[in-house]
C-alpha atoms as a PDB file:
ATOM      1  CA  MET A   1     -18.470 -20.186  86.175  1.00  0.00           C
ATOM      2  CA  LYS A   2     -17.253 -22.251  83.344  1.00  0.00           C
ATOM      3  CA  LYS A   3     -20.816 -22.887  82.223  1.00  0.00           C
ATOM      4  CA  ILE A   4     -21.633 -19.194  82.254  1.00  0.00           C
ATOM      5  CA  TYR A   5     -18.533 -18.415  80.212  1.00  0.00           C
ATOM      6  CA  ILE A   6     -19.495 -20.995  77.553  1.00  0.00           C
ATOM      7  CA  LEU A   7     -23.053 -19.688  77.517  1.00  0.00           C
ATOM      8  CA  ILE A   8     -21.903 -16.077  76.950  1.00  0.00           C
ATOM      9  CA  VAL A   9     -19.533 -17.063  74.176  1.00  0.00           C
ATOM     10  CA  SER A  10     -22.286 -19.113  72.526  1.00  0.00           C
ATOM     11  CA  ILE A  11     -24.767 -16.228  72.705  1.00  0.00           C
ATOM     12  CA  LEU A  12     -22.232 -13.839  71.274  1.00  0.00           C
ATOM     13  CA  PHE A  13     -21.329 -16.240  68.499  1.00  0.00           C
ATOM     14  CA  ILE A  14     -24.959 -16.898  67.561  1.00  0.00           C
ATOM     15  CA  GLY A  15     -25.864 -13.233  67.855  1.00  0.00           C
ATOM     16  CA  CYS A  16     -23.071 -12.175  65.507  1.00  0.00           C
ATOM     17  CA  THR A  17     -23.986 -14.530  62.666  1.00  0.00           C
ATOM     18  CA  ASP A  18     -26.259 -13.481  59.807  1.00  0.00           C
ATOM     19  CA  ASP A  19     -28.954 -15.925  58.803  1.00  0.00           C
ATOM     20  CA  ASN A  20     -28.941 -14.508  55.213  1.00  0.00           C
ATOM     21  CA  ILE A  21     -25.404 -15.657  54.466  1.00  0.00           C
ATOM     22  CA  ASN A  22     -25.146 -18.967  52.705  1.00  0.00           C
ATOM     23  CA  THR A  23     -21.914 -20.458  53.919  1.00  0.00           C
ATOM     24  CA  THR A  24     -21.825 -23.214  51.298  1.00  0.00           C
ATOM     25  CA  THR A  25     -21.834 -20.991  48.166  1.00  0.00           C
ATOM     26  CA  THR A  26     -20.325 -17.625  47.328  1.00  0.00           C
ATOM     27  CA  GLN A  27     -22.613 -15.043  45.794  1.00  0.00           C
ATOM     28  CA  THR A  28     -21.226 -12.560  43.298  1.00  0.00           C
ATOM     29  CA  PRO A  29     -23.044  -9.269  42.902  1.00  0.00           C
ATOM     30  CA  ALA A  30     -24.298  -8.432  39.402  1.00  0.00           C
ATOM     31  CA  ILE A  31     -22.115  -5.992  37.470  1.00  0.00           C
ATOM     32  CA  GLU A  32     -23.492  -3.648  34.847  1.00  0.00           C
ATOM     33  CA  THR A  33     -21.379  -3.920  31.729  1.00  0.00           C
ATOM     34  CA  SER A  34     -22.014  -0.313  30.805  1.00  0.00           C
ATOM     35  CA  THR A  35     -20.085   0.841  33.855  1.00  0.00           C
ATOM     36  CA  ILE A  36     -16.932  -1.154  33.070  1.00  0.00           C
ATOM     37  CA  LYS A  37     -14.286   0.882  31.282  1.00  0.00           C
ATOM     38  CA  THR A  38     -11.218  -0.682  29.751  1.00  0.00           C
ATOM     39  CA  ASN A  39      -8.195   0.560  27.865  1.00  0.00           C
ATOM     40  CA  ILE A  40      -8.374  -2.287  25.380  1.00  0.00           C
ATOM     41  CA  PRO A  41      -8.605  -0.838  21.849  1.00  0.00           C
ATOM     42  CA  ASP A  42     -11.223  -1.956  19.380  1.00  0.00           C
ATOM     43  CA  PRO A  43     -10.050  -4.854  17.238  1.00  0.00           C
ATOM     44  CA  ILE A  44      -8.251  -3.829  14.088  1.00  0.00           C
ATOM     45  CA  ILE A  45      -9.613  -5.381  10.938  1.00  0.00           C
ATOM     46  CA  VAL A  46      -7.030  -5.759   8.212  1.00  0.00           C
ATOM     47  CA  GLU A  47      -8.464  -5.998   4.756  1.00  0.00           C
ATOM     48  CA  GLU A  48      -6.440  -8.111   2.420  1.00  0.00           C
ATOM     49  CA  LYS A  49      -6.149  -6.658  -1.064  1.00  0.00           C
ATOM     50  CA  LYS A  50      -4.679  -8.308  -4.062  1.00  0.00           C
ATOM     51  CA  ILE A  51      -2.426  -5.958  -5.989  1.00  0.00           C
ATOM     52  CA  GLU A  52      -1.966  -6.638  -9.623  1.00  0.00           C
ATOM     53  CA  ILE A  53       1.151  -5.214 -11.183  1.00  0.00           C
ATOM     54  CA  ALA A  54       0.674  -4.118 -14.741  1.00  0.00           C
ATOM     55  CA  THR A  55       3.555  -5.184 -16.897  1.00  0.00           C
ATOM     56  CA  LYS A  56       4.417  -2.731 -19.647  1.00  0.00           C
ATOM     57  CA  THR A  57       6.022  -3.807 -22.826  1.00  0.00           C
ATOM     58  CA  GLY A  58       8.067  -1.778 -25.279  1.00  0.00           C
ATOM     59  CA  SER A  59       5.156  -2.056 -27.701  1.00  0.00           C
ATOM     60  CA  ASP A  60       2.751  -0.606 -25.102  1.00  0.00           C
ATOM     61  CA  ILE A  61       5.055   2.337 -24.453  1.00  0.00           C
ATOM     62  CA  PHE A  62       5.654   2.954 -28.159  1.00  0.00           C
ATOM     63  CA  GLN A  63       1.911   3.459 -28.787  1.00  0.00           C
ATOM     64  CA  SER A  64       2.241   7.066 -27.615  1.00  0.00           C
ATOM     65  CA  CYS A  65       4.955   7.573 -30.290  1.00  0.00           C
ATOM     66  CA  VAL A  66       2.977   6.172 -33.223  1.00  0.00           C
ATOM     67  CA  ALA A  67       1.153   9.424 -34.078  1.00  0.00           C
ATOM     68  CA  CYS A  68       4.433  11.159 -35.005  1.00  0.00           C
ATOM     69  CA  HIS A  69       6.870   8.313 -35.766  1.00  0.00           C
ATOM     70  CA  GLY A  70       4.457   5.905 -37.489  1.00  0.00           C
ATOM     71  CA  LYS A  71       3.301   2.418 -36.563  1.00  0.00           C
ATOM     72  CA  ASN A  72       6.711   0.912 -37.344  1.00  0.00           C
ATOM     73  CA  ALA A  73       8.825   4.023 -36.611  1.00  0.00           C
ATOM     74  CA  GLU A  74       9.116   4.524 -40.379  1.00  0.00           C
ATOM     75  CA  LYS A  75       8.247   8.252 -40.452  1.00  0.00           C
ATOM     76  CA  MET A  76      10.216  11.443 -39.895  1.00  0.00           C
ATOM     77  CA  ALA A  77       8.295  12.829 -36.910  1.00  0.00           C
ATOM     78  CA  LEU A  78       6.599  16.068 -37.921  1.00  0.00           C
ATOM     79  CA  GLY A  79       8.889  16.048 -40.953  1.00  0.00           C
ATOM     80  CA  LYS A  80      11.804  17.132 -38.757  1.00  0.00           C
ATOM     81  CA  SER A  81      13.301  14.027 -37.129  1.00  0.00           C
ATOM     82  CA  LYS A  82      15.263  11.107 -38.438  1.00  0.00           C
ATOM     83  CA  VAL A  83      13.541   7.817 -39.121  1.00  0.00           C
ATOM     84  CA  ILE A  84      14.236   5.774 -35.972  1.00  0.00           C
ATOM     85  CA  GLN A  85      13.141   2.383 -37.269  1.00  0.00           C
ATOM     86  CA  GLY A  86      15.729  -0.288 -36.424  1.00  0.00           C
ATOM     87  CA  TRP A  87      18.041   1.992 -34.444  1.00  0.00           C
ATOM     88  CA  PRO A  88      20.248   0.033 -32.021  1.00  0.00           C
ATOM     89  CA  ALA A  89      18.734  -0.047 -28.526  1.00  0.00           C
ATOM     90  CA  GLN A  90      21.718   1.753 -26.969  1.00  0.00           C
ATOM     91  CA  LYS A  91      21.525   4.604 -29.509  1.00  0.00           C
ATOM     92  CA  THR A  92      17.801   5.070 -28.902  1.00  0.00           C
ATOM     93  CA  ASN A  93      18.338   4.907 -25.138  1.00  0.00           C
ATOM     94  CA  ASP A  94      21.068   7.582 -25.327  1.00  0.00           C
ATOM     95  CA  VAL A  95      18.968   9.859 -27.549  1.00  0.00           C
ATOM     96  CA  LEU A  96      15.886   9.573 -25.326  1.00  0.00           C
ATOM     97  CA  ASN A  97      17.942  10.352 -22.210  1.00  0.00           C
ATOM     98  CA  GLY A  98      19.540  13.238 -24.122  1.00  0.00           C
ATOM     99  CA  TYR A  99      16.083  14.702 -24.718  1.00  0.00           C
ATOM    100  CA  LEU A 100      15.359  14.393 -20.995  1.00  0.00           C
ATOM    101  CA  ASN A 101      18.593  16.001 -19.779  1.00  0.00           C
ATOM    102  CA  GLY A 102      18.737  18.650 -22.521  1.00  0.00           C
ATOM    103  CA  THR A 103      21.837  17.408 -24.393  1.00  0.00           C
ATOM    104  CA  TYR A 104      20.030  16.296 -27.565  1.00  0.00           C
ATOM    105  CA  GLY A 105      17.188  17.377 -29.768  1.00  0.00           C
ATOM    106  CA  GLY A 106      17.409  20.878 -31.146  1.00  0.00           C
ATOM    107  CA  ALA A 107      13.959  22.128 -32.197  1.00  0.00           C
ATOM    108  CA  MET A 108      12.225  18.931 -31.038  1.00  0.00           C
ATOM    109  CA  GLN A 109      13.775  18.938 -27.598  1.00  0.00           C
ATOM    110  CA  GLY A 110      10.886  20.659 -25.766  1.00  0.00           C
ATOM    111  CA  LEU A 111       8.263  18.448 -27.376  1.00  0.00           C
ATOM    112  CA  MET A 112      10.176  15.218 -26.738  1.00  0.00           C
ATOM    113  CA  LYS A 113      11.051  16.133 -23.166  1.00  0.00           C
ATOM    114  CA  GLY A 114       7.335  16.513 -22.452  1.00  0.00           C
ATOM    115  CA  GLN A 115       6.572  13.187 -24.128  1.00  0.00           C
ATOM    116  CA  LEU A 116       9.266  11.383 -22.140  1.00  0.00           C
ATOM    117  CA  SER A 117       8.576  13.018 -18.775  1.00  0.00           C
ATOM    118  CA  THR A 118       6.282  10.220 -17.606  1.00  0.00           C
ATOM    119  CA  LEU A 119       8.658   7.389 -18.531  1.00  0.00           C
ATOM    120  CA  SER A 120      10.984   5.667 -16.083  1.00  0.00           C
ATOM    121  CA  GLN A 121      14.470   4.479 -17.025  1.00  0.00           C
ATOM    122  CA  ASP A 122      13.048   0.950 -17.295  1.00  0.00           C
ATOM    123  CA  ASP A 123      10.381   2.222 -19.703  1.00  0.00           C
ATOM    124  CA  ILE A 124      13.056   3.900 -21.822  1.00  0.00           C
ATOM    125  CA  LYS A 125      15.047   0.667 -21.966  1.00  0.00           C
ATOM    126  CA  LEU A 126      11.946  -1.293 -22.984  1.00  0.00           C
ATOM    127  CA  VAL A 127      10.915   1.099 -25.764  1.00  0.00           C
ATOM    128  CA  SER A 128      14.528   1.347 -26.986  1.00  0.00           C
ATOM    129  CA  ALA A 129      14.732  -2.436 -27.302  1.00  0.00           C
ATOM    130  CA  TYR A 130      11.360  -2.486 -29.092  1.00  0.00           C
ATOM    131  CA  ILE A 131      12.420   0.153 -31.643  1.00  0.00           C
ATOM    132  CA  SER A 132      15.605  -1.797 -32.371  1.00  0.00           C
ATOM    133  CA  LYS A 133      13.444  -4.730 -33.535  1.00  0.00           C
ATOM    134  CA  LEU A 134      11.232  -2.725 -35.898  1.00  0.00           C
END
C-alpha cells in the first residue's frame, strides 16, 4: 500500500510539472515601451542668460537736454529759461522734480514734464550732479 501511495504521488508530481519551465533562470516577458505611461514630466531645460546692466551717467542723460540748453548748459532754452550751467545739484534736483509734480515751470512746465517723464529719481540725481560741474 505504501508503494502504491508513493507511486501515485510521484505520477501526480511528474504530471503537474511543465517541461518548458527552466527552473534555474527566471524569464522576464518583453515589454513594449510605447505602452508604458508615466507621470514624470519632461525635463526642464534652464537657459542661462547673462544680463548686462547698462550704467547711465549724468552726461548720458544730459544728451537729451543739449538741443535746448546747449552742450554745456550755457543757453537759455528756447529763449525762455534761465541758464542752468553750474547750478548746485540740489537746486537742479528740486527744479526738475518741480517740473514733474507741477510746482515749477510756468510756460515751460508742459514741455519739461514730458522730457522728464522717462527719468527715474536716480537719473535726476545723476543729471543734477552733472549740471553742477558744467
